[in-house]
C-alpha atoms as a PDB file:
ATOM      1  CA  UNK A   1     -15.408 -84.675 142.983  1.00  0.00           C
ATOM      2  CA  UNK A   2     -14.249 -82.946 139.481  1.00  0.00           C
ATOM      3  CA  UNK A   3     -13.107 -84.498 136.520  1.00  0.00           C
ATOM      4  CA  UNK A   4      -9.518 -83.920 137.373  1.00  0.00           C
ATOM      5  CA  UNK A   5      -9.596 -85.700 140.888  1.00  0.00           C
ATOM      6  CA  UNK A   6     -11.889 -88.279 139.338  1.00  0.00           C
ATOM      7  CA  UNK A   7      -8.605 -89.248 136.444  1.00  0.00           C
ATOM      8  CA  UNK A   8      -6.322 -89.115 139.555  1.00  0.00           C
ATOM      9  CA  UNK A   9      -8.563 -91.052 142.205  1.00  0.00           C
ATOM     10  CA  UNK A  10      -9.991 -93.714 139.988  1.00  0.00           C
ATOM     11  CA  UNK A  11      -7.137 -95.268 138.932  1.00  0.00           C
ATOM     12  CA  UNK A  12      -5.318 -95.515 142.530  1.00  0.00           C
ATOM     13  CA  UNK A  13      -8.592 -96.729 143.929  1.00  0.00           C
ATOM     14  CA  UNK A  14      -8.909 -99.506 140.800  1.00  0.00           C
ATOM     15  CA  UNK A  15      -4.958-100.420 141.090  1.00  0.00           C
ATOM     16  CA  UNK A  16      -6.250-101.207 145.585  1.00  0.00           C
ATOM     17  CA  UNK A  17      -8.751-103.180 144.302  1.00  0.00           C
ATOM     18  CA  UNK A  18      -6.939-105.360 142.259  1.00  0.00           C
ATOM     19  CA  UNK A  19      -4.033-105.584 144.587  1.00  0.00           C
ATOM     20  CA  UNK A  20      -6.159-106.550 147.346  1.00  0.00           C
ATOM     21  CA  UNK A  21      -7.503-109.522 144.428  1.00  0.00           C
ATOM     22  CA  UNK A  22      -4.015-110.449 144.420  1.00  0.00           C
ATOM     23  CA  UNK A  23      -2.697-110.341 147.344  1.00  0.00           C
ATOM     24  CA  UNK A  24      -5.660-112.997 148.525  1.00  0.00           C
ATOM     25  CA  UNK A  25      -4.636-114.718 145.655  1.00  0.00           C
ATOM     26  CA  UNK A  26      -1.382-115.403 146.502  1.00  0.00           C
ATOM     27  CA  UNK A  27      -2.430-116.192 150.657  1.00  0.00           C
ATOM     28  CA  UNK A  28      -4.632-118.924 149.378  1.00  0.00           C
ATOM     29  CA  UNK A  29      -2.031-120.363 146.825  1.00  0.00           C
ATOM     30  CA  UNK A  30       0.642-120.400 149.553  1.00  0.00           C
ATOM     31  CA  UNK A  31      -1.666-122.176 152.133  1.00  0.00           C
ATOM     32  CA  UNK A  32      -2.470-124.123 149.457  1.00  0.00           C
ATOM     33  CA  UNK A  33       1.012-124.974 149.109  1.00  0.00           C
ATOM     34  CA  UNK A  34       1.846-125.673 152.477  1.00  0.00           C
ATOM     35  CA  UNK A  35      -0.864-128.395 153.273  1.00  0.00           C
ATOM     36  CA  UNK A  36       0.369-130.012 149.771  1.00  0.00           C
ATOM     37  CA  UNK A  37       3.775-130.118 150.745  1.00  0.00           C
ATOM     38  CA  UNK A  38       2.658-131.076 154.783  1.00  0.00           C
ATOM     39  CA  UNK A  39       0.679-134.056 152.931  1.00  0.00           C
ATOM     40  CA  UNK A  40       3.416-135.122 151.123  1.00  0.00           C
ATOM     41  CA  UNK A  41       5.913-135.154 153.535  1.00  0.00           C
ATOM     42  CA  UNK A  42       3.739-137.376 155.639  1.00  0.00           C
ATOM     43  CA  UNK A  43       2.669-139.481 152.762  1.00  0.00           C
ATOM     44  CA  UNK A  44       6.625-140.098 151.769  1.00  0.00           C
ATOM     45  CA  UNK A  45       7.416-140.711 155.458  1.00  0.00           C
ATOM     46  CA  UNK A  46       4.531-143.089 156.062  1.00  0.00           C
ATOM     47  CA  UNK A  47       5.582-145.060 152.264  1.00  0.00           C
ATOM     48  CA  UNK A  48       9.344-144.830 153.697  1.00  0.00           C
ATOM     49  CA  UNK A  49       8.570-146.666 157.276  1.00  0.00           C
ATOM     50  CA  UNK A  50       5.807-149.146 155.841  1.00  0.00           C
ATOM     51  CA  UNK A  51       8.459-150.132 153.021  1.00  0.00           C
ATOM     52  CA  UNK A  52      11.678-150.408 155.720  1.00  0.00           C
ATOM     53  CA  UNK A  53       9.411-152.942 157.703  1.00  0.00           C
ATOM     54  CA  UNK A  54       8.835-155.032 155.316  1.00  0.00           C
ATOM     55  CA  UNK A  55      12.222-154.949 154.346  1.00  0.00           C
ATOM     56  CA  UNK A  56      13.460-155.971 157.270  1.00  0.00           C
ATOM     57  CA  UNK A  57      10.609-158.647 157.758  1.00  0.00           C
ATOM     58  CA  UNK A  58      11.623-160.771 154.571  1.00  0.00           C
ATOM     59  CA  UNK A  59      15.425-160.200 155.300  1.00  0.00           C
ATOM     60  CA  UNK A  60      14.628-161.455 158.907  1.00  0.00           C
ATOM     61  CA  UNK A  61      12.591-164.569 157.382  1.00  0.00           C
ATOM     62  CA  UNK A  62      15.639-165.179 155.085  1.00  0.00           C
ATOM     63  CA  UNK A  63      18.607-164.596 157.646  1.00  0.00           C
ATOM     64  CA  UNK A  64      16.908-167.287 160.293  1.00  0.00           C
ATOM     65  CA  UNK A  65      16.813-169.936 157.633  1.00  0.00           C
ATOM     66  CA  UNK A  66      20.185-169.033 156.462  1.00  0.00           C
ATOM     67  CA  UNK A  67      21.017-169.570 160.321  1.00  0.00           C
ATOM     68  CA  UNK A  68      19.717-172.622 160.578  1.00  0.00           C
ATOM     69  CA  UNK A  69      21.765-174.017 157.416  1.00  0.00           C
ATOM     70  CA  UNK A  70      24.578-172.562 158.994  1.00  0.00           C
ATOM     71  CA  UNK A  71      25.077-170.623 155.951  1.00  0.00           C
ATOM     72  CA  UNK A  72      26.988-167.045 156.936  1.00  0.00           C
ATOM     73  CA  UNK A  73      27.951-166.405 153.085  1.00  0.00           C
ATOM     74  CA  UNK A  74      24.283-166.201 152.046  1.00  0.00           C
ATOM     75  CA  UNK A  75      23.648-164.061 155.264  1.00  0.00           C
ATOM     76  CA  UNK A  76      26.505-161.863 154.220  1.00  0.00           C
ATOM     77  CA  UNK A  77      25.639-161.672 150.288  1.00  0.00           C
ATOM     78  CA  UNK A  78      22.061-160.395 151.272  1.00  0.00           C
ATOM     79  CA  UNK A  79      23.539-157.651 153.955  1.00  0.00           C
ATOM     80  CA  UNK A  80      25.374-156.523 150.976  1.00  0.00           C
ATOM     81  CA  UNK A  81      22.422-156.178 148.234  1.00  0.00           C
ATOM     82  CA  UNK A  82      20.624-154.334 151.959  1.00  0.00           C
ATOM     83  CA  UNK A  83      23.818-152.056 151.933  1.00  0.00           C
ATOM     84  CA  UNK A  84      23.528-151.302 148.121  1.00  0.00           C
ATOM     85  CA  UNK A  85      19.894-150.027 148.355  1.00  0.00           C
ATOM     86  CA  UNK A  86      18.692-147.945 151.487  1.00  0.00           C
ATOM     87  CA  UNK A  87      20.426-149.715 154.169  1.00  0.00           C
ATOM     88  CA  UNK A  88      23.087-148.444 156.178  1.00  0.00           C
ATOM     89  CA  UNK A  89      23.483-150.922 159.254  1.00  0.00           C
ATOM     90  CA  UNK A  90      23.047-154.797 158.947  1.00  0.00           C
ATOM     91  CA  UNK A  91      23.635-156.492 162.464  1.00  0.00           C
ATOM     92  CA  UNK A  92      22.293-160.267 163.265  1.00  0.00           C
ATOM     93  CA  UNK A  93      22.734-161.221 166.761  1.00  0.00           C
ATOM     94  CA  UNK A  94      22.007-164.773 168.082  1.00  0.00           C
ATOM     95  CA  UNK A  95      23.111-164.701 171.986  1.00  0.00           C
ATOM     96  CA  UNK A  96      26.226-162.828 173.033  1.00  0.00           C
ATOM     97  CA  UNK A  97      26.903-163.670 169.735  1.00  0.00           C
ATOM     98  CA  UNK A  98      27.348-161.217 166.725  1.00  0.00           C
ATOM     99  CA  UNK A  99      26.931-163.027 163.488  1.00  0.00           C
ATOM    100  CA  UNK A 100      27.026-160.512 161.182  1.00  0.00           C
ATOM    101  CA  UNK A 101      27.746-156.256 161.331  1.00  0.00           C
ATOM    102  CA  UNK A 102      28.013-154.177 158.301  1.00  0.00           C
ATOM    103  CA  UNK A 103      28.209-151.029 157.843  1.00  0.00           C
ATOM    104  CA  UNK A 104      27.854-148.748 154.637  1.00  0.00           C
ATOM    105  CA  UNK A 105      31.257-147.434 153.039  1.00  0.00           C
ATOM    106  CA  UNK A 106      31.653-143.878 154.253  1.00  0.00           C
ATOM    107  CA  UNK A 107      29.150-143.257 156.976  1.00  0.00           C
ATOM    108  CA  UNK A 108      29.361-142.914 160.860  1.00  0.00           C
ATOM    109  CA  UNK A 109      26.023-143.393 162.978  1.00  0.00           C
ATOM    110  CA  UNK A 110      25.940-143.481 166.834  1.00  0.00           C
ATOM    111  CA  UNK A 111      23.982-146.730 167.182  1.00  0.00           C
ATOM    112  CA  UNK A 112      22.240-147.782 170.976  1.00  0.00           C
ATOM    113  CA  UNK A 113      22.748-151.339 171.891  1.00  0.00           C
ATOM    114  CA  UNK A 114      19.367-153.047 171.804  1.00  0.00           C
ATOM    115  CA  UNK A 115      18.989-155.541 174.909  1.00  0.00           C
ATOM    116  CA  UNK A 116      17.010-158.794 173.914  1.00  0.00           C
ATOM    117  CA  UNK A 117      14.258-157.964 176.695  1.00  0.00           C
ATOM    118  CA  UNK A 118      13.099-155.483 175.119  1.00  0.00           C
ATOM    119  CA  UNK A 119      11.522-157.153 172.338  1.00  0.00           C
ATOM    120  CA  UNK A 120       7.814-158.489 171.847  1.00  0.00           C
ATOM    121  CA  UNK A 121       7.706-162.024 170.824  1.00  0.00           C
ATOM    122  CA  UNK A 122       7.118-161.436 166.940  1.00  0.00           C
ATOM    123  CA  UNK A 123       7.016-157.525 166.785  1.00  0.00           C
ATOM    124  CA  UNK A 124       9.253-154.995 165.127  1.00  0.00           C
ATOM    125  CA  UNK A 125      11.100-152.520 167.677  1.00  0.00           C
ATOM    126  CA  UNK A 126      12.076-149.242 166.493  1.00  0.00           C
ATOM    127  CA  UNK A 127      15.399-148.417 167.962  1.00  0.00           C
ATOM    128  CA  UNK A 128      15.713-145.370 166.872  1.00  0.00           C
ATOM    129  CA  UNK A 129      14.574-142.746 164.422  1.00  0.00           C
ATOM    130  CA  UNK A 130      16.057-139.380 164.464  1.00  0.00           C
ATOM    131  CA  UNK A 131      18.963-137.943 162.095  1.00  0.00           C
ATOM    132  CA  UNK A 132      17.667-138.919 159.045  1.00  0.00           C
ATOM    133  CA  UNK A 133      17.999-142.841 160.044  1.00  0.00           C
ATOM    134  CA  UNK A 134      14.995-145.083 161.023  1.00  0.00           C
ATOM    135  CA  UNK A 135      16.798-148.311 162.892  1.00  0.00           C
ATOM    136  CA  UNK A 136      14.589-150.926 163.264  1.00  0.00           C
ATOM    137  CA  UNK A 137      14.877-154.790 164.521  1.00  0.00           C
ATOM    138  CA  UNK A 138      13.600-157.912 164.577  1.00  0.00           C
ATOM    139  CA  UNK A 139      13.832-160.702 167.350  1.00  0.00           C
ATOM    140  CA  UNK A 140      14.836-164.001 166.269  1.00  0.00           C
ATOM    141  CA  UNK A 141      12.790-166.934 167.976  1.00  0.00           C
ATOM    142  CA  UNK A 142      14.439-170.265 168.871  1.00  0.00           C
ATOM    143  CA  UNK A 143      13.286-173.310 166.852  1.00  0.00           C
ATOM    144  CA  UNK A 144      11.611-175.165 169.320  1.00  0.00           C
ATOM    145  CA  UNK A 145       7.779-175.016 170.073  1.00  0.00           C
ATOM    146  CA  UNK A 146       9.046-172.752 172.849  1.00  0.00           C
ATOM    147  CA  UNK A 147       9.124-169.650 170.655  1.00  0.00           C
ATOM    148  CA  UNK A 148      12.073-167.955 172.611  1.00  0.00           C
ATOM    149  CA  UNK A 149      13.644-165.112 171.718  1.00  0.00           C
ATOM    150  CA  UNK A 150      17.571-165.907 171.149  1.00  0.00           C
ATOM    151  CA  UNK A 151      18.588-162.630 169.231  1.00  0.00           C
ATOM    152  CA  UNK A 152      17.703-160.279 166.477  1.00  0.00           C
ATOM    153  CA  UNK A 153      18.325-158.911 163.121  1.00  0.00           C
ATOM    154  CA  UNK A 154      18.503-155.257 163.045  1.00  0.00           C
ATOM    155  CA  UNK A 155      19.007-152.903 160.072  1.00  0.00           C
ATOM    156  CA  UNK A 156      19.143-149.243 159.832  1.00  0.00           C
ATOM    157  CA  UNK A 157      17.398-147.493 156.659  1.00  0.00           C
ATOM    158  CA  UNK A 158      18.912-143.930 155.017  1.00  0.00           C
ATOM    159  CA  UNK A 159      15.894-142.150 155.551  1.00  0.00           C
ATOM    160  CA  UNK A 160      17.576-138.994 153.734  1.00  0.00           C
ATOM    161  CA  UNK A 161      16.356-139.727 150.859  1.00  0.00           C
ATOM    162  CA  UNK A 162      12.709-138.402 151.927  1.00  0.00           C
ATOM    163  CA  UNK A 163      14.295-135.060 152.914  1.00  0.00           C
ATOM    164  CA  UNK A 164      15.457-134.895 149.446  1.00  0.00           C
ATOM    165  CA  UNK A 165      12.136-135.887 148.073  1.00  0.00           C
ATOM    166  CA  UNK A 166      10.517-133.138 150.033  1.00  0.00           C
ATOM    167  CA  UNK A 167      13.213-130.167 149.751  1.00  0.00           C
ATOM    168  CA  UNK A 168      12.520-130.831 146.063  1.00  0.00           C
ATOM    169  CA  UNK A 169       8.963-129.918 146.021  1.00  0.00           C
ATOM    170  CA  UNK A 170       9.115-127.232 148.658  1.00  0.00           C
ATOM    171  CA  UNK A 171      11.661-125.291 145.784  1.00  0.00           C
ATOM    172  CA  UNK A 172       9.760-126.627 142.924  1.00  0.00           C
ATOM    173  CA  UNK A 173       6.639-124.914 145.261  1.00  0.00           C
ATOM    174  CA  UNK A 174       8.156-121.627 146.331  1.00  0.00           C
ATOM    175  CA  UNK A 175       9.275-121.103 142.018  1.00  0.00           C
ATOM    176  CA  UNK A 176       5.600-121.533 141.183  1.00  0.00           C
ATOM    177  CA  UNK A 177       4.964-119.050 143.586  1.00  0.00           C
ATOM    178  CA  UNK A 178       7.197-116.774 142.933  1.00  0.00           C
ATOM    179  CA  UNK A 179       5.977-116.838 139.410  1.00  0.00           C
ATOM    180  CA  UNK A 180       2.815-116.374 140.054  1.00  0.00           C
ATOM    181  CA  UNK A 181       3.368-113.130 142.336  1.00  0.00           C
ATOM    182  CA  UNK A 182       5.599-111.745 139.183  1.00  0.00           C
ATOM    183  CA  UNK A 183       2.697-112.879 136.976  1.00  0.00           C
ATOM    184  CA  UNK A 184      -0.379-111.012 139.004  1.00  0.00           C
ATOM    185  CA  UNK A 185       1.920-107.766 139.947  1.00  0.00           C
ATOM    186  CA  UNK A 186       3.180-107.231 136.914  1.00  0.00           C
ATOM    187  CA  UNK A 187      -0.248-105.156 135.329  1.00  0.00           C
ATOM    188  CA  UNK A 188       0.265-103.625 139.066  1.00  0.00           C
ATOM    189  CA  UNK A 189       3.418-102.189 138.670  1.00  0.00           C
ATOM    190  CA  UNK A 190       2.654-101.033 134.799  1.00  0.00           C
ATOM    191  CA  UNK A 191      -0.271 -99.039 136.372  1.00  0.00           C
ATOM    192  CA  UNK A 192       1.849 -97.467 139.181  1.00  0.00           C
ATOM    193  CA  UNK A 193       4.196 -96.540 136.397  1.00  0.00           C
ATOM    194  CA  UNK A 194       1.613 -95.476 133.897  1.00  0.00           C
ATOM    195  CA  UNK A 195       0.167 -93.288 136.678  1.00  0.00           C
ATOM    196  CA  UNK A 196       2.868 -91.914 138.130  1.00  0.00           C
ATOM    197  CA  UNK A 197       5.403 -91.934 136.321  1.00  0.00           C
ATOM    198  CA  UNK A 198       4.349 -90.344 133.201  1.00  0.00           C
ATOM    199  CA  UNK A 199       0.982 -88.271 134.841  1.00  0.00           C
ATOM    200  CA  UNK A 200       0.874 -86.339 131.313  1.00  0.00           C
ATOM    201  CA  UNK A 201      -1.247 -89.520 130.076  1.00  0.00           C
ATOM    202  CA  UNK A 202      -4.101 -88.587 132.407  1.00  0.00           C
ATOM    203  CA  UNK A 203      -3.179 -85.235 133.336  1.00  0.00           C
ATOM    204  CA  UNK A 204      -3.366 -81.439 130.979  1.00  0.00           C
ATOM    205  CA  UNK A 205      -0.137 -79.843 130.659  1.00  0.00           C
ATOM    206  CA  UNK A 206       2.048 -78.769 132.746  1.00  0.00           C
ATOM    207  CA  UNK A 207       1.996 -75.630 130.904  1.00  0.00           C
ATOM    208  CA  UNK A 208      -1.914 -75.167 130.838  1.00  0.00           C
ATOM    209  CA  UNK A 209      -2.851 -71.870 132.960  1.00  0.00           C
ATOM    210  CA  UNK A 210      -6.883 -70.605 133.359  1.00  0.00           C
ATOM    211  CA  UNK A 211      -6.197 -68.329 130.679  1.00  0.00           C
ATOM    212  CA  UNK A 212      -3.600 -69.965 128.247  1.00  0.00           C
ATOM    213  CA  UNK A 213      -3.137 -72.968 126.873  1.00  0.00           C
ATOM    214  CA  UNK A 214       1.023 -73.530 125.626  1.00  0.00           C
ATOM    215  CA  UNK A 215       2.110 -76.612 123.914  1.00  0.00           C
ATOM    216  CA  UNK A 216       6.123 -75.619 122.396  1.00  0.00           C
ATOM    217  CA  UNK A 217       5.532 -72.727 120.055  1.00  0.00           C
ATOM    218  CA  UNK A 218       1.990 -72.136 120.273  1.00  0.00           C
ATOM    219  CA  UNK A 219      -0.171 -70.241 122.731  1.00  0.00           C
ATOM    220  CA  UNK A 220      -4.012 -70.260 123.083  1.00  0.00           C
ATOM    221  CA  UNK A 221      -5.930 -67.306 124.953  1.00  0.00           C
ATOM    222  CA  UNK A 222      -9.426 -68.527 125.810  1.00  0.00           C
ATOM    223  CA  UNK A 223     -10.214 -65.103 126.947  1.00  0.00           C
ATOM    224  CA  UNK A 224      -9.546 -63.265 123.700  1.00  0.00           C
ATOM    225  CA  UNK A 225      -9.696 -65.788 121.969  1.00  0.00           C
ATOM    226  CA  UNK A 226      -6.814 -65.859 119.842  1.00  0.00           C
ATOM    227  CA  UNK A 227      -3.633 -67.832 118.773  1.00  0.00           C
ATOM    228  CA  UNK A 228      -0.518 -67.612 117.740  1.00  0.00           C
ATOM    229  CA  UNK A 229       2.215 -69.473 116.505  1.00  0.00           C
ATOM    230  CA  UNK A 230       5.877 -68.624 117.328  1.00  0.00           C
ATOM    231  CA  UNK A 231       4.925 -65.205 117.727  1.00  0.00           C
ATOM    232  CA  UNK A 232       2.468 -64.835 114.352  1.00  0.00           C
ATOM    233  CA  UNK A 233      -1.308 -64.552 114.835  1.00  0.00           C
ATOM    234  CA  UNK A 234      -3.134 -67.535 113.180  1.00  0.00           C
ATOM    235  CA  UNK A 235      -6.545 -67.021 112.085  1.00  0.00           C
ATOM    236  CA  UNK A 236      -9.215 -69.125 113.441  1.00  0.00           C
ATOM    237  CA  UNK A 237     -12.920 -69.848 112.778  1.00  0.00           C
ATOM    238  CA  UNK A 238     -14.810 -70.123 116.047  1.00  0.00           C
ATOM    239  CA  UNK A 239     -15.486 -73.978 115.487  1.00  0.00           C
ATOM    240  CA  UNK A 240     -11.421 -74.673 114.621  1.00  0.00           C
ATOM    241  CA  UNK A 241     -10.840 -72.543 117.393  1.00  0.00           C
ATOM    242  CA  UNK A 242     -13.366 -74.895 119.753  1.00  0.00           C
ATOM    243  CA  UNK A 243     -10.853 -77.723 117.949  1.00  0.00           C
ATOM    244  CA  UNK A 244      -7.594 -76.591 118.774  1.00  0.00           C
ATOM    245  CA  UNK A 245      -8.808 -75.586 122.417  1.00  0.00           C
ATOM    246  CA  UNK A 246      -9.863 -79.193 123.291  1.00  0.00           C
ATOM    247  CA  UNK A 247      -7.363 -81.447 121.879  1.00  0.00           C
ATOM    248  CA  UNK A 248      -5.071 -78.757 123.705  1.00  0.00           C
ATOM    249  CA  UNK A 249      -6.634 -79.106 127.061  1.00  0.00           C
ATOM    250  CA  UNK A 250      -5.955 -82.984 126.717  1.00  0.00           C
ATOM    251  CA  UNK A 251      -3.148 -83.874 125.186  1.00  0.00           C
ATOM    252  CA  UNK A 252      -2.572 -87.638 124.700  1.00  0.00           C
ATOM    253  CA  UNK A 253      -6.122 -88.258 123.764  1.00  0.00           C
ATOM    254  CA  UNK A 254      -7.264 -89.816 121.699  1.00  0.00           C
ATOM    255  CA  UNK A 255     -11.388 -88.325 121.237  1.00  0.00           C
ATOM    256  CA  UNK A 256     -13.845 -90.406 119.870  1.00  0.00           C
ATOM    257  CA  UNK A 257     -16.480 -88.211 116.652  1.00  0.00           C
ATOM    258  CA  UNK A 258     -18.789 -87.625 119.218  1.00  0.00           C
ATOM    259  CA  UNK A 259     -16.294 -86.138 122.247  1.00  0.00           C
ATOM    260  CA  UNK A 260     -14.935 -83.975 119.145  1.00  0.00           C
ATOM    261  CA  UNK A 261     -18.867 -82.567 118.158  1.00  0.00           C
ATOM    262  CA  UNK A 262     -19.708 -81.748 121.613  1.00  0.00           C
ATOM    263  CA  UNK A 263     -17.055 -79.347 121.745  1.00  0.00           C
ATOM    264  CA  UNK A 264     -17.209 -77.679 118.810  1.00  0.00           C
ATOM    265  CA  UNK A 265     -21.163 -78.162 118.253  1.00  0.00           C
ATOM    266  CA  UNK A 266     -22.725 -78.837 121.346  1.00  0.00           C
ATOM    267  CA  UNK A 267     -26.265 -77.698 119.949  1.00  0.00           C
ATOM    268  CA  UNK A 268     -26.205 -80.790 116.776  1.00  0.00           C
ATOM    269  CA  UNK A 269     -28.339 -83.592 117.050  1.00  0.00           C
ATOM    270  CA  UNK A 270     -25.045 -85.760 117.288  1.00  0.00           C
ATOM    271  CA  UNK A 271     -23.373 -84.351 120.326  1.00  0.00           C
ATOM    272  CA  UNK A 272     -26.051 -86.397 122.534  1.00  0.00           C
ATOM    273  CA  UNK A 273     -26.150 -89.020 120.660  1.00  0.00           C
ATOM    274  CA  UNK A 274     -24.925 -92.162 122.446  1.00  0.00           C
END
């Protein structure tokens, strides 16, 4: 492999290696992000379900007390408070009679009827859990020792907030991955532009031939060792000719002292110095 081929291939191989590392890093970041979003969604849903169950249990206890006292006004006031927070629909049914049934303004949900026979004593039943709503009901038992189910308290909760939070987290993670992609690939883009769009950085001048070096008005004849500028001959010593030829062969390159000495004075002890 000659020097010219090495100058072409080495940057390409380096870019490929860096690109592989960058792609592996981005892939790892994406997998980690997906897992984080899924975990976050699962955690939010579990918290939402638990808090909804707790709210229903508390409201059921308070509504049972209000029913025993015949205080329907207090029952309606508590239902209004629920509608102001997360509830969409609140219903209290005793026997065949609907004590209260209030729906949050601006919402229209299709709710299924819930027969008392489907209740297990003291347990919360999930009627519907879809379309961003969680519909729960808990039985109302009679005040006597028979613990007979005589009705139920029902609350439909708005689960849209969970979807909004998950969507916000997803957008934030996607934005972070895009920024990571840009930051990691910016050096590769710069490297590609440097070695492909501007090949003169590492390549000889396109006007270089096997016998002459041409740089604007300067012509260096490598066979006859003659130099001319605008057609006028220029007398140079052998070392001056060697120095000028070395610089003309590699335009846009910065040489070290050792490289210049090796080009014009190869027998010098400094030419082989580290």
